[in-house]
N, C-alpha and C. Protein backbone atom coordinates (compact mmCIF):
# COMPACT_ATOMS: atom_id res chain seq x y z
N MET A 1 48.82 -23.32 -8.80
CA MET A 1 48.32 -22.26 -9.81
C MET A 1 47.38 -21.07 -10.09
N LYS A 2 46.29 -22.58 -9.55
CA LYS A 2 44.28 -21.43 -9.62
C LYS A 2 44.49 -20.53 -8.72
N ASN A 3 45.65 -20.28 -7.68
CA ASN A 3 44.80 -18.80 -6.98
C ASN A 3 45.82 -18.27 -7.71
N SER A 4 47.08 -18.40 -8.20
CA SER A 4 48.09 -17.10 -8.49
C SER A 4 46.67 -16.60 -9.97
N ALA A 5 46.52 -17.30 -10.49
CA ALA A 5 45.43 -16.83 -11.79
C ALA A 5 44.60 -15.90 -11.27
N ALA A 6 43.59 -16.06 -10.14
CA ALA A 6 42.78 -15.89 -9.89
C ALA A 6 42.52 -14.85 -9.18
N LEU A 7 44.36 -14.58 -8.50
CA LEU A 7 44.07 -13.20 -7.93
C LEU A 7 44.68 -11.87 -8.85
N PRO A 8 45.16 -11.33 -10.17
CA PRO A 8 45.06 -10.82 -10.55
C PRO A 8 43.34 -10.41 -11.14
N LYS A 9 42.73 -11.41 -11.01
CA LYS A 9 41.39 -11.35 -11.37
C LYS A 9 40.25 -10.44 -10.55
N GLU A 10 40.98 -10.97 -9.24
CA GLU A 10 40.20 -10.36 -8.26
C GLU A 10 40.94 -9.04 -8.28
N GLU A 11 41.61 -8.73 -8.55
CA GLU A 11 42.38 -7.58 -8.21
C GLU A 11 41.69 -6.53 -8.82
N LEU A 12 41.44 -6.90 -9.97
CA LEU A 12 41.17 -6.06 -11.40
C LEU A 12 39.26 -5.82 -10.60
N SER A 13 39.11 -6.54 -10.75
CA SER A 13 37.33 -6.78 -9.90
C SER A 13 37.40 -5.73 -8.55
N MET A 14 37.76 -5.85 -7.84
CA MET A 14 38.55 -4.39 -7.03
C MET A 14 38.67 -3.28 -7.40
N ALA A 15 39.23 -3.20 -8.89
CA ALA A 15 39.35 -2.04 -9.01
C ALA A 15 38.81 -1.73 -9.33
N ALA A 16 37.81 -2.60 -10.71
CA ALA A 16 36.97 -1.59 -11.09
C ALA A 16 35.46 -1.69 -10.24
N GLN A 17 35.72 -2.04 -9.31
CA GLN A 17 34.51 -1.47 -8.29
C GLN A 17 34.82 -0.48 -7.39
N GLN A 18 36.63 -0.41 -7.14
CA GLN A 18 36.73 0.58 -6.10
C GLN A 18 36.63 2.45 -7.80
N SER A 19 36.52 2.33 -8.81
CA SER A 19 36.19 2.69 -10.02
C SER A 19 35.11 3.65 -9.79
N ALA A 20 33.83 2.15 -10.42
CA ALA A 20 32.62 2.15 -9.66
C ALA A 20 32.16 3.29 -8.57
N ASP A 21 32.59 3.13 -6.99
CA ASP A 21 32.47 3.62 -6.32
C ASP A 21 32.63 4.68 -6.22
N ALA A 22 33.87 5.33 -6.72
CA ALA A 22 34.36 6.61 -7.18
C ALA A 22 34.16 7.40 -7.98
N THR A 23 33.53 7.56 -8.90
CA THR A 23 32.24 7.77 -9.72
C THR A 23 31.35 7.93 -9.77
N GLU A 24 30.39 7.15 -8.77
CA GLU A 24 28.42 7.49 -8.05
C GLU A 24 29.32 8.31 -6.81
N LYS A 25 30.15 8.73 -6.39
CA LYS A 25 30.58 9.58 -4.95
C LYS A 25 31.34 11.11 -6.15
N LEU A 26 31.23 10.81 -7.13
CA LEU A 26 31.23 12.02 -7.89
C LEU A 26 29.92 12.80 -8.73
N LEU A 27 29.19 11.93 -8.85
CA LEU A 27 28.02 12.39 -9.16
C LEU A 27 26.90 12.69 -8.33
N ASN A 28 27.49 11.23 -6.88
CA ASN A 28 26.32 12.41 -5.59
C ASN A 28 26.95 13.80 -5.08
N ARG A 29 27.91 14.59 -5.30
CA ARG A 29 28.80 15.12 -4.72
C ARG A 29 28.22 16.80 -6.10
N VAL A 30 29.01 16.06 -6.96
CA VAL A 30 28.20 16.60 -7.87
C VAL A 30 26.75 17.25 -7.61
N LEU A 31 25.83 16.56 -7.26
CA LEU A 31 24.21 16.32 -7.49
C LEU A 31 24.37 17.63 -6.75
N GLU A 32 24.77 16.73 -4.79
CA GLU A 32 24.93 17.80 -3.54
C GLU A 32 25.19 19.20 -3.98
N LYS A 33 25.66 19.57 -4.65
CA LYS A 33 26.11 20.96 -5.01
C LYS A 33 25.08 22.18 -5.91
N MET A 34 24.64 20.80 -6.85
CA MET A 34 23.59 21.92 -7.79
C MET A 34 22.00 21.96 -6.76
N GLU A 35 22.22 20.60 -5.86
CA GLU A 35 20.87 21.25 -5.28
C GLU A 35 20.93 21.94 -4.22
N LYS A 36 22.00 21.98 -3.69
CA LYS A 36 22.49 23.34 -2.85
C LYS A 36 22.46 24.69 -4.00
N LEU A 37 22.88 24.93 -4.85
CA LEU A 37 22.56 26.07 -6.12
C LEU A 37 20.94 25.97 -6.29
N ILE A 38 20.56 25.48 -6.65
CA ILE A 38 18.84 24.99 -6.51
C ILE A 38 18.52 25.63 -5.48
N LEU A 39 19.10 25.85 -4.17
CA LEU A 39 18.45 26.72 -3.73
C LEU A 39 19.22 28.47 -3.14
N ILE A 40 19.56 27.83 -3.34
CA ILE A 40 20.31 29.40 -3.81
C ILE A 40 19.96 30.29 -4.07
N TYR A 41 19.55 29.79 -5.28
CA TYR A 41 18.59 30.15 -6.66
C TYR A 41 17.22 31.24 -6.41
N ALA A 42 16.59 29.80 -5.43
CA ALA A 42 15.34 29.95 -6.10
C ALA A 42 15.52 31.49 -3.86
N GLN A 43 16.25 31.56 -3.41
CA GLN A 43 16.47 32.52 -2.94
C GLN A 43 16.61 33.67 -3.38
N GLU A 44 17.72 33.67 -4.31
CA GLU A 44 17.98 34.82 -5.45
C GLU A 44 16.52 35.30 -4.91
N LEU A 45 15.99 34.31 -6.50
CA LEU A 45 14.56 35.26 -6.75
C LEU A 45 13.76 35.61 -5.90
N ASP A 46 13.99 34.83 -4.96
CA ASP A 46 13.09 35.34 -3.69
C ASP A 46 13.15 37.14 -3.52
N VAL A 47 14.87 37.27 -2.74
CA VAL A 47 14.68 38.80 -2.92
C VAL A 47 14.49 39.55 -3.72
N LEU A 48 15.34 39.01 -5.40
CA LEU A 48 14.76 39.91 -5.86
C LEU A 48 13.48 40.32 -6.35
N SER A 49 12.26 39.20 -6.21
CA SER A 49 11.22 39.90 -6.37
C SER A 49 10.74 41.10 -5.10
N VAL A 50 10.70 40.62 -3.66
CA VAL A 50 10.89 41.68 -2.90
C VAL A 50 11.72 43.21 -2.69
N GLY A 51 12.76 43.05 -3.22
CA GLY A 51 13.76 44.33 -4.27
C GLY A 51 14.79 44.64 -2.78
N ASP A 52 14.92 42.88 -2.11
CA ASP A 52 15.91 42.91 -1.35
C ASP A 52 17.15 42.87 -1.94
N MET A 53 17.90 43.63 -2.02
CA MET A 53 19.68 44.29 -2.39
C MET A 53 20.90 43.61 -1.82
N ALA A 54 19.89 44.23 -0.64
CA ALA A 54 21.27 43.67 0.64
C ALA A 54 21.56 42.05 0.80
N LYS A 55 20.69 41.78 1.04
CA LYS A 55 20.25 39.70 0.75
C LYS A 55 20.64 39.20 -0.16
N PHE A 56 20.47 40.03 -1.45
CA PHE A 56 20.95 39.43 -2.63
C PHE A 56 21.96 39.72 -2.92
N GLN A 57 23.07 40.56 -2.61
CA GLN A 57 24.64 40.42 -2.30
C GLN A 57 25.13 39.95 -1.84
N PHE A 58 24.08 39.65 -0.73
CA PHE A 58 24.93 38.42 0.08
C PHE A 58 25.22 37.31 0.37
N VAL A 59 24.20 36.67 -0.65
CA VAL A 59 23.72 35.50 -1.26
C VAL A 59 25.35 35.08 -2.44
N GLN A 60 25.07 36.09 -2.80
CA GLN A 60 26.29 35.70 -4.22
C GLN A 60 27.51 35.26 -4.60
N PRO A 61 28.56 35.45 -2.72
CA PRO A 61 29.39 34.73 -2.68
C PRO A 61 29.34 33.29 -2.89
N GLU A 62 28.55 32.72 -1.86
CA GLU A 62 27.76 30.95 -1.78
C GLU A 62 27.76 30.93 -3.17
N LYS A 63 26.74 32.05 -4.32
CA LYS A 63 26.10 31.00 -5.38
C LYS A 63 27.43 30.99 -6.56
N LEU A 64 28.49 32.17 -6.18
CA LEU A 64 29.47 32.09 -6.91
C LEU A 64 30.38 30.71 -6.93
N LYS A 65 30.61 30.21 -5.70
CA LYS A 65 30.73 29.17 -5.07
C LYS A 65 31.41 28.28 -5.23
N LEU A 66 29.16 27.84 -5.53
CA LEU A 66 28.52 26.56 -5.56
C LEU A 66 29.37 26.45 -7.34
N ILE A 67 28.37 27.36 -8.02
CA ILE A 67 28.73 27.55 -9.46
C ILE A 67 30.70 27.00 -10.13
N ARG A 68 31.07 27.88 -9.02
CA ARG A 68 32.29 26.85 -9.47
C ARG A 68 33.14 25.43 -8.99
N GLU A 69 31.83 25.19 -8.46
CA GLU A 69 32.38 23.32 -7.63
C GLU A 69 31.54 22.96 -8.83
N CYS A 70 30.27 23.27 -9.57
CA CYS A 70 29.66 22.23 -9.98
C CYS A 70 29.93 21.80 -11.46
N GLU A 71 31.12 23.63 -12.19
CA GLU A 71 32.00 23.71 -13.65
C GLU A 71 33.11 22.39 -13.12
N LEU A 72 33.47 22.00 -12.30
CA LEU A 72 34.34 21.29 -11.96
C LEU A 72 34.14 20.50 -11.79
N GLY A 73 33.21 19.83 -11.02
CA GLY A 73 32.69 18.70 -11.35
C GLY A 73 31.76 17.91 -12.80
N VAL A 74 31.02 18.83 -13.05
CA VAL A 74 30.76 18.52 -14.20
C VAL A 74 31.84 18.34 -15.27
N ALA A 75 32.97 19.49 -14.88
CA ALA A 75 34.05 19.10 -16.06
C ALA A 75 34.67 17.27 -15.63
N GLU A 76 34.71 17.27 -14.14
CA GLU A 76 35.60 15.79 -13.78
C GLU A 76 34.69 14.62 -14.37
N ILE A 77 33.10 14.86 -14.20
CA ILE A 77 32.87 13.63 -15.08
C ILE A 77 32.37 13.50 -16.42
N ALA A 78 32.86 14.76 -17.78
CA ALA A 78 33.26 15.31 -18.68
C ALA A 78 34.22 13.52 -18.94
N GLN A 79 35.68 14.11 -18.24
CA GLN A 79 36.51 13.24 -18.08
C GLN A 79 36.76 11.70 -17.50
N ARG A 80 35.55 11.15 -16.90
CA ARG A 80 34.88 10.00 -16.71
C ARG A 80 33.65 9.60 -17.56
N LYS A 81 33.81 9.98 -19.09
CA LYS A 81 32.10 9.12 -19.86
C LYS A 81 32.20 7.71 -19.36
N GLU A 82 33.24 6.73 -19.53
CA GLU A 82 33.59 5.30 -19.82
C GLU A 82 33.23 4.53 -18.62
N ALA A 83 32.91 5.04 -17.45
CA ALA A 83 33.25 5.24 -16.34
C ALA A 83 31.53 5.16 -15.99
N VAL A 84 31.11 6.56 -15.84
CA VAL A 84 29.96 7.58 -15.74
C VAL A 84 29.09 6.65 -16.23
N SER A 85 29.12 6.21 -17.65
CA SER A 85 27.60 5.29 -18.14
C SER A 85 27.82 4.43 -17.42
N LYS A 86 28.41 3.33 -17.05
CA LYS A 86 27.99 2.28 -16.20
C LYS A 86 27.93 2.49 -14.92
N ALA A 87 26.66 4.20 -14.24
CA ALA A 87 26.47 4.33 -13.40
C ALA A 87 25.54 3.66 -13.28
N SER A 88 24.89 4.07 -12.10
CA SER A 88 23.37 3.83 -11.32
C SER A 88 22.25 4.38 -12.55
N TYR A 89 21.53 3.92 -13.58
CA TYR A 89 20.02 4.60 -13.84
C TYR A 89 19.30 5.82 -13.08
N ILE A 90 19.51 5.44 -12.33
CA ILE A 90 18.58 6.62 -11.57
C ILE A 90 19.27 7.75 -11.13
N LEU A 91 20.71 7.42 -11.07
CA LEU A 91 21.77 8.86 -10.14
C LEU A 91 22.34 9.38 -11.25
N LYS A 92 22.07 9.05 -12.97
CA LYS A 92 22.23 9.55 -13.91
C LYS A 92 20.84 10.39 -14.07
N GLN A 93 19.79 9.57 -13.82
CA GLN A 93 18.28 10.60 -14.28
C GLN A 93 18.17 11.77 -13.48
N ARG A 94 18.40 11.42 -11.89
CA ARG A 94 18.27 12.59 -10.85
C ARG A 94 19.30 13.30 -11.68
N LEU A 95 20.48 13.09 -12.01
CA LEU A 95 21.33 14.53 -11.91
C LEU A 95 20.62 15.02 -13.43
N ILE A 96 20.55 14.74 -14.56
CA ILE A 96 19.74 15.15 -15.72
C ILE A 96 19.03 16.02 -15.24
N SER A 97 18.22 15.97 -14.68
CA SER A 97 16.93 16.57 -14.27
C SER A 97 17.07 17.47 -12.50
N THR A 98 17.90 17.58 -11.67
CA THR A 98 18.78 18.83 -11.16
C THR A 98 19.43 19.63 -11.53
N HIS A 99 20.21 19.52 -13.04
CA HIS A 99 20.36 20.52 -14.05
C HIS A 99 19.42 21.22 -15.03
N ALA A 100 18.68 20.50 -15.41
CA ALA A 100 17.72 20.83 -16.14
C ALA A 100 16.84 21.86 -15.34
N THR A 101 16.33 21.79 -13.45
CA THR A 101 15.84 22.27 -12.82
C THR A 101 17.29 23.93 -12.58
N LEU A 102 18.21 23.52 -12.48
CA LEU A 102 18.87 24.60 -12.21
C LEU A 102 18.68 25.46 -13.63
N SER A 103 19.02 25.23 -15.06
CA SER A 103 19.08 25.45 -15.77
C SER A 103 17.27 26.77 -15.75
N GLU A 104 17.47 26.15 -15.77
CA GLU A 104 15.59 27.11 -15.59
C GLU A 104 16.17 28.27 -14.69
N LEU A 105 15.91 28.05 -12.99
CA LEU A 105 16.32 28.52 -12.13
C LEU A 105 17.47 30.06 -12.55
N ALA A 106 17.90 29.38 -13.21
CA ALA A 106 19.29 30.41 -13.72
C ALA A 106 18.31 31.37 -14.25
N SER A 107 18.54 30.90 -15.48
CA SER A 107 17.51 31.44 -16.39
C SER A 107 16.83 32.71 -15.86
N GLN A 108 16.45 32.40 -15.37
CA GLN A 108 14.94 33.23 -14.28
C GLN A 108 15.27 33.91 -13.61
N SER A 109 16.78 33.56 -13.05
CA SER A 109 17.19 34.98 -12.18
C SER A 109 18.02 35.95 -12.88
N LYS A 110 18.62 35.65 -14.10
CA LYS A 110 19.16 36.27 -14.96
C LYS A 110 18.15 37.24 -16.11
N ARG A 111 16.75 36.83 -16.08
CA ARG A 111 15.70 37.98 -16.45
C ARG A 111 15.04 38.53 -15.40
N ALA A 112 15.54 38.28 -14.21
CA ALA A 112 14.77 39.04 -12.91
C ALA A 112 16.52 40.21 -12.45
N CYS A 113 17.33 39.67 -13.26
CA CYS A 113 17.67 41.16 -12.48
C CYS A 113 17.68 42.09 -14.10
N GLU A 114 17.89 41.35 -15.47
CA GLU A 114 17.78 42.17 -16.47
C GLU A 114 16.73 42.68 -16.28
N SER A 115 16.08 42.72 -15.57
CA SER A 115 14.74 43.28 -15.36
C SER A 115 14.64 44.20 -14.21
N ARG A 116 15.37 44.01 -13.71
CA ARG A 116 16.07 45.10 -11.97
C ARG A 116 16.89 46.18 -12.67
N SER A 117 17.12 45.97 -13.66
CA SER A 117 18.82 46.82 -14.44
C SER A 117 18.30 47.85 -14.96
N LYS A 118 17.13 46.97 -16.12
CA LYS A 118 15.95 48.45 -16.44
C LYS A 118 15.39 49.03 -16.25
N SER A 119 14.34 48.82 -15.16
CA SER A 119 14.01 49.46 -13.69
C SER A 119 15.06 50.20 -13.03
N MET A 120 16.42 50.52 -12.40
CA MET A 120 16.95 51.20 -11.93
C MET A 120 17.66 52.17 -13.12
N GLN A 121 17.70 51.62 -14.23
CA GLN A 121 18.25 52.57 -15.35
C GLN A 121 17.25 53.33 -16.24
N ARG A 122 15.81 53.30 -15.94
CA ARG A 122 14.97 53.98 -16.11
C ARG A 122 14.06 55.16 -14.34
N ILE A 123 14.71 54.56 -13.92
CA ILE A 123 14.78 55.72 -12.29
C ILE A 123 16.19 56.14 -12.66
N GLN A 124 16.93 56.15 -13.66
CA GLN A 124 18.42 57.20 -13.05
C GLN A 124 17.45 58.74 -14.40
N ASP A 125 17.06 57.48 -15.33
CA ASP A 125 17.27 58.61 -16.22
C ASP A 125 15.54 59.59 -16.28
N ARG A 126 15.01 59.18 -14.75
CA ARG A 126 13.83 60.17 -14.75
C ARG A 126 14.47 60.97 -13.42
N LEU A 127 15.23 60.95 -12.58
CA LEU A 127 15.77 61.93 -12.33
C LEU A 127 16.80 62.51 -13.01
N LEU A 128 17.67 62.43 -13.52
CA LEU A 128 18.04 63.18 -14.50
C LEU A 128 17.77 64.25 -15.21
N LYS A 129 16.90 63.75 -15.94
CA LYS A 129 15.72 64.34 -16.61
C LYS A 129 15.22 65.19 -15.62
N ALA A 130 14.65 65.54 -14.15
CA ALA A 130 14.39 65.96 -13.24
C ALA A 130 15.08 66.93 -12.60
N ALA A 131 16.57 67.05 -13.34
CA ALA A 131 17.80 67.18 -12.34
C ALA A 131 17.98 68.66 -13.62
N ARG A 132 17.51 67.79 -14.58
CA ARG A 132 17.51 69.22 -16.10
C ARG A 132 16.18 69.58 -16.13
N LEU A 133 15.12 70.04 -16.17
CA LEU A 133 13.99 70.90 -15.62
C LEU A 133 14.08 72.11 -13.85
N VAL A 134 14.74 70.98 -13.77
CA VAL A 134 15.16 72.27 -12.35
C VAL A 134 16.17 72.77 -12.86
N VAL A 135 16.87 72.55 -13.25
CA VAL A 135 18.42 74.25 -13.92
C VAL A 135 18.48 74.52 -14.34
N ASN A 136 17.07 73.89 -15.58
CA ASN A 136 16.23 75.13 -16.86
C ASN A 136 15.15 75.70 -16.06
N GLN A 137 14.41 75.68 -15.21
CA GLN A 137 13.19 76.36 -14.84
C GLN A 137 14.46 77.39 -14.16
N GLN A 138 15.41 76.83 -13.26
CA GLN A 138 15.46 78.03 -12.47
C GLN A 138 15.96 79.35 -12.56
N GLY A 139 16.30 79.53 -14.07
CA GLY A 139 15.91 80.46 -14.91
C GLY A 139 17.41 81.16 -14.74
N LYS A 140 18.00 82.66 -14.44
CA LYS A 140 19.43 83.19 -14.80
C LYS A 140 19.74 83.34 -12.72
N LYS A 141 19.67 82.31 -12.24
CA LYS A 141 19.59 83.13 -10.83
C LYS A 141 20.79 81.26 -9.89
N GLY A 142 21.76 81.29 -9.62
CA GLY A 142 21.86 80.18 -9.30
C GLY A 142 22.86 80.73 -8.22
N TYR A 143 24.32 80.31 -8.05
CA TYR A 143 24.58 80.98 -6.17
C TYR A 143 26.59 79.92 -6.70
N GLY A 144 27.18 80.94 -6.24
CA GLY A 144 28.18 80.62 -6.74
C GLY A 144 29.45 79.81 -5.25
N ARG A 145 30.71 79.39 -5.18
CA ARG A 145 31.40 78.53 -4.20
C ARG A 145 31.14 79.89 -2.40
N SER A 146 30.30 81.22 -2.64
CA SER A 146 30.41 81.97 -1.27
C SER A 146 29.27 81.90 -1.55
N GLY A 147 29.19 81.48 -1.90
CA GLY A 147 27.08 81.53 -1.36
C GLY A 147 26.97 83.45 -2.56
N LYS A 148 26.82 83.44 -2.37
CA LYS A 148 26.27 84.92 -3.29
C LYS A 148 25.54 84.35 -5.13
N SER A 149 24.67 85.03 -5.39
CA SER A 149 23.94 84.16 -5.90
C SER A 149 24.76 85.34 -7.16
N TYR A 150 24.58 85.19 -8.51
CA TYR A 150 25.16 84.74 -10.01
C TYR A 150 24.05 84.69 -11.09
N ASP A 151 24.02 85.37 -11.41
CA ASP A 151 23.06 85.35 -13.33
C ASP A 151 23.22 83.77 -13.60
N SER A 152 23.19 82.94 -14.17
CA SER A 152 23.92 81.54 -13.70
C SER A 152 23.95 81.62 -15.87
N HIS A 153 23.68 81.89 -16.56
CA HIS A 153 23.80 82.35 -18.22
C HIS A 153 25.34 82.81 -18.31
N SER A 154 25.37 83.94 -17.48
CA SER A 154 27.09 84.41 -17.14
C SER A 154 27.91 83.23 -17.04
N HIS A 155 28.17 82.13 -16.41
CA HIS A 155 28.94 81.39 -15.81
C HIS A 155 28.78 79.63 -16.45
N ARG A 156 30.21 79.47 -15.71
CA ARG A 156 30.02 78.19 -16.65
C ARG A 156 28.80 76.94 -16.52
N PRO A 157 28.46 76.18 -17.94
CA PRO A 157 27.45 75.71 -17.35
C PRO A 157 27.25 74.53 -15.92
N VAL A 158 26.66 74.08 -16.40
CA VAL A 158 25.75 73.10 -14.79
C VAL A 158 26.33 71.06 -15.83
N ALA A 159 26.95 70.90 -15.10
CA ALA A 159 27.41 70.02 -16.00
C ALA A 159 25.54 68.27 -15.52
N THR A 160 25.10 67.93 -15.75
CA THR A 160 23.97 66.43 -15.67
C THR A 160 24.23 65.16 -16.37
N ALA A 161 25.19 65.33 -17.01
CA ALA A 161 25.99 64.14 -17.30
C ALA A 161 27.75 63.20 -17.31
N ILE A 162 27.52 63.05 -18.18
CA ILE A 162 29.22 62.76 -18.26
C ILE A 162 28.92 63.84 -19.35
N ASN A 163 28.48 63.50 -19.96
CA ASN A 163 29.15 63.80 -21.86
C ASN A 163 27.94 64.77 -22.33
N GLU A 164 26.99 65.87 -21.09
CA GLU A 164 25.83 66.75 -21.69
C GLU A 164 26.42 67.72 -19.81
N ALA A 165 25.93 69.23 -20.58
CA ALA A 165 25.57 70.10 -20.13
C ALA A 165 25.07 71.14 -20.65
N ILE A 166 24.32 72.44 -19.43
CA ILE A 166 23.59 72.67 -19.85
C ILE A 166 23.48 74.20 -18.98
């Protein structure tokens, strides 16, 4: 009879071990995705610093894929809080440290993208201002569709922006 009573305990022990192994695998899988995402963010920051927008665009699909995978993994970790609390302390600390690094790189990337966007806006504003000056300095002469010159003040205004015409 001892054998029959010991069997359920062994099964419970094996199930607990399998659950612990599955949790460790989950944590390692999420950690691996986070580390790949760190590399992508580092690459993204490098290409932003040199202004290579083609390479920046090239890394975006992979970055978005890894972000989604990390979010799904973190959601799964949140569902398994009890099992995760029993996981390896070192693994949990690596996960926390990697998450902090990832958050910092994401913030740096966001700031770099915002800076790039503001820079592009300033360039666009300067180009529009220069176009307005050219239109104003041309004075009265302009050219129509047929190529003939005309007095620009007697014809339709020239649009220089969506909500502005000279």
